[in-house]
Amino acid sequence: MDVLSWIGAVAVVASLALADPLRFRVVNLVAAVVMLVANVRLGLLAFVTLNAVIIAVNAWHIRELASGPGRRTVGRRPGSHGTSHRLTSSVDAVRIQQQLR
């Protein structure tokens, strides 16, 4: 396997260990760029396409996270320290239902 592919793979794994959404997206974006270059060199069109999509998704999320008043989080409230998206959504749904009553 190409050395560049190994570097990209390590960067992907490292990004998964990050709890901060913005840092995750930035490291994952860098990993996808490295993997895209490696896959172009290896002629793997399906993986080139996959990484191009990952780059676009990460870029969109980075723009969303970096915009607005203060830094926003995706899928969790600031200070939730890793609360899952489903749990946050469920808690929000209960609060909304209670407010509507």
C-alpha atoms as a PDB file:
ATOM      1  CA  MET A   1       0.000   0.000   0.000  1.00  0.00           C
ATOM      2  CA  ASP A   2       1.149   3.495  -0.788  1.00  0.00           C
ATOM      3  CA  VAL A   3       2.717   5.446   2.121  1.00  0.00           C
ATOM      4  CA  LEU A   4       0.344   8.341   1.410  1.00  0.00           C
ATOM      5  CA  SER A   5      -2.607   5.980   1.899  1.00  0.00           C
ATOM      6  CA  TRP A   6      -1.256   4.976   5.314  1.00  0.00           C
ATOM      7  CA  ILE A   7      -0.868   8.618   6.320  1.00  0.00           C
ATOM      8  CA  GLY A   8      -4.461   9.296   5.242  1.00  0.00           C
ATOM      9  CA  ALA A   9      -5.743   6.232   7.086  1.00  0.00           C
ATOM     10  CA  VAL A  10      -3.986   7.279  10.300  1.00  0.00           C
ATOM     11  CA  ALA A  11      -5.438  10.791   9.951  1.00  0.00           C
ATOM     12  CA  VAL A  12      -8.965   9.351   9.537  1.00  0.00           C
ATOM     13  CA  VAL A  13      -8.570   7.273  12.694  1.00  0.00           C
ATOM     14  CA  ALA A  14      -7.127  10.271  14.560  1.00  0.00           C
ATOM     15  CA  SER A  15     -10.104  12.406  13.520  1.00  0.00           C
ATOM     16  CA  LEU A  16     -12.505   9.856  14.994  1.00  0.00           C
ATOM     17  CA  ALA A  17     -10.885  10.284  18.404  1.00  0.00           C
ATOM     18  CA  LEU A  18     -11.708  14.017  18.528  1.00  0.00           C
ATOM     19  CA  ALA A  19     -14.721  15.147  20.541  1.00  0.00           C
ATOM     20  CA  ASP A  20     -14.740  18.740  19.265  1.00  0.00           C
ATOM     21  CA  PRO A  21     -16.891  18.857  16.090  1.00  0.00           C
ATOM     22  CA  LEU A  22     -14.837  21.553  14.369  1.00  0.00           C
ATOM     23  CA  ARG A  23     -11.505  19.825  15.038  1.00  0.00           C
ATOM     24  CA  PHE A  24     -12.997  16.525  13.886  1.00  0.00           C
ATOM     25  CA  ARG A  25     -14.138  18.089  10.606  1.00  0.00           C
ATOM     26  CA  VAL A  26     -10.818  19.832   9.955  1.00  0.00           C
ATOM     27  CA  VAL A  27      -8.696  16.732  10.616  1.00  0.00           C
ATOM     28  CA  ASN A  28     -11.132  14.566   8.656  1.00  0.00           C
ATOM     29  CA  LEU A  29     -11.002  17.043   5.748  1.00  0.00           C
ATOM     30  CA  VAL A  30      -7.192  16.893   5.702  1.00  0.00           C
ATOM     31  CA  ALA A  31      -7.362  13.090   5.818  1.00  0.00           C
ATOM     32  CA  ALA A  32      -9.815  13.033   2.907  1.00  0.00           C
ATOM     33  CA  VAL A  33      -7.549  15.297   0.840  1.00  0.00           C
ATOM     34  CA  VAL A  34      -4.572  13.020   1.534  1.00  0.00           C
ATOM     35  CA  MET A  35      -6.644   9.948   0.661  1.00  0.00           C
ATOM     36  CA  LEU A  36      -7.955  11.612  -2.508  1.00  0.00           C
ATOM     37  CA  VAL A  37      -4.398  12.287  -3.706  1.00  0.00           C
ATOM     38  CA  ALA A  38      -3.334   8.731  -2.836  1.00  0.00           C
ATOM     39  CA  ASN A  39      -6.343   7.252  -4.632  1.00  0.00           C
ATOM     40  CA  VAL A  40      -5.723   9.392  -7.730  1.00  0.00           C
ATOM     41  CA  ARG A  41      -2.148   8.089  -7.786  1.00  0.00           C
ATOM     42  CA  LEU A  42      -3.424   4.516  -7.471  1.00  0.00           C
ATOM     43  CA  GLY A  43      -6.165   5.034 -10.090  1.00  0.00           C
ATOM     44  CA  LEU A  44      -9.034   4.127  -7.740  1.00  0.00           C
ATOM     45  CA  LEU A  45     -11.881   6.188  -9.218  1.00  0.00           C
ATOM     46  CA  ALA A  46     -14.543   5.005  -6.765  1.00  0.00           C
ATOM     47  CA  PHE A  47     -12.427   6.096  -3.797  1.00  0.00           C
ATOM     48  CA  VAL A  48     -11.492   9.358  -5.502  1.00  0.00           C
ATOM     49  CA  THR A  49     -15.224  10.081  -5.844  1.00  0.00           C
ATOM     50  CA  LEU A  50     -15.913   9.026  -2.245  1.00  0.00           C
ATOM     51  CA  ASN A  51     -13.199  11.289  -0.868  1.00  0.00           C
ATOM     52  CA  ALA A  52     -14.324  14.206  -3.052  1.00  0.00           C
ATOM     53  CA  VAL A  53     -17.788  13.898  -1.493  1.00  0.00           C
ATOM     54  CA  ILE A  54     -16.305  13.631   2.005  1.00  0.00           C
ATOM     55  CA  ILE A  55     -14.256  16.775   1.344  1.00  0.00           C
ATOM     56  CA  ALA A  56     -17.386  18.669   0.245  1.00  0.00           C
ATOM     57  CA  VAL A  57     -19.400  17.509   3.275  1.00  0.00           C
ATOM     58  CA  ASN A  58     -16.602  18.399   5.692  1.00  0.00           C
ATOM     59  CA  ALA A  59     -16.118  21.813   4.060  1.00  0.00           C
ATOM     60  CA  TRP A  60     -19.843  22.527   4.421  1.00  0.00           C
ATOM     61  CA  HIS A  61     -19.833  21.508   8.091  1.00  0.00           C
ATOM     62  CA  ILE A  62     -16.698  23.547   8.794  1.00  0.00           C
ATOM     63  CA  ARG A  63     -18.347  26.613   7.271  1.00  0.00           C
ATOM     64  CA  GLU A  64     -21.482  26.031   9.359  1.00  0.00           C
ATOM     65  CA  LEU A  65     -19.523  25.449  12.559  1.00  0.00           C
ATOM     66  CA  ALA A  66     -17.322  28.491  12.044  1.00  0.00           C
ATOM     67  CA  SER A  67     -20.175  30.869  11.148  1.00  0.00           C
ATOM     68  CA  GLY A  68     -22.635  32.718  13.337  1.00  0.00           C
ATOM     69  CA  PRO A  69     -22.308  34.111  16.842  1.00  0.00           C
ATOM     70  CA  GLY A  70     -19.771  31.961  18.649  1.00  0.00           C
ATOM     71  CA  ARG A  71     -18.843  28.501  17.515  1.00  0.00           C
ATOM     72  CA  ARG A  72     -21.812  26.213  17.029  1.00  0.00           C
ATOM     73  CA  THR A  73     -21.863  22.490  17.602  1.00  0.00           C
ATOM     74  CA  VAL A  74     -23.574  19.950  15.396  1.00  0.00           C
ATOM     75  CA  GLY A  75     -25.724  17.329  17.069  1.00  0.00           C
ATOM     76  CA  ARG A  76     -25.096  18.441  20.626  1.00  0.00           C
ATOM     77  CA  ARG A  77     -25.421  21.439  22.830  1.00  0.00           C
ATOM     78  CA  PRO A  78     -22.350  23.368  23.926  1.00  0.00           C
ATOM     79  CA  GLY A  79     -21.086  21.835  27.136  1.00  0.00           C
ATOM     80  CA  SER A  80     -22.887  18.519  26.617  1.00  0.00           C
ATOM     81  CA  HIS A  81     -19.502  16.727  26.556  1.00  0.00           C
ATOM     82  CA  GLY A  82     -20.289  14.027  24.059  1.00  0.00           C
ATOM     83  CA  THR A  83     -24.044  13.687  24.505  1.00  0.00           C
ATOM     84  CA  SER A  84     -25.230  11.754  21.504  1.00  0.00           C
ATOM     85  CA  HIS A  85     -27.329  13.406  18.819  1.00  0.00           C
ATOM     86  CA  ARG A  86     -30.250  11.065  19.498  1.00  0.00           C
ATOM     87  CA  LEU A  87     -30.281  11.848  23.204  1.00  0.00           C
ATOM     88  CA  THR A  88     -30.139  15.584  22.574  1.00  0.00           C
ATOM     89  CA  SER A  89     -32.938  15.301  20.016  1.00  0.00           C
ATOM     90  CA  SER A  90     -35.075  13.233  22.389  1.00  0.00           C
ATOM     91  CA  VAL A  91     -34.580  15.700  25.218  1.00  0.00           C
ATOM     92  CA  ASP A  92     -35.442  18.568  22.886  1.00  0.00           C
ATOM     93  CA  ALA A  93     -38.571  16.753  21.686  1.00  0.00           C
ATOM     94  CA  VAL A  94     -39.783  16.219  25.261  1.00  0.00           C
ATOM     95  CA  ARG A  95     -39.195  19.877  26.125  1.00  0.00           C
ATOM     96  CA  ILE A  96     -41.074  21.043  23.052  1.00  0.00           C
ATOM     97  CA  GLN A  97     -43.982  18.727  23.841  1.00  0.00           C
ATOM     98  CA  GLN A  98     -44.098  20.050  27.411  1.00  0.00           C
ATOM     99  CA  GLN A  99     -44.079  23.647  26.166  1.00  0.00           C
ATOM    100  CA  LEU A 100     -46.971  22.946  23.796  1.00  0.00           C
ATOM    101  CA  ARG A 101     -49.146  21.607  26.611  1.00  0.00           C
END
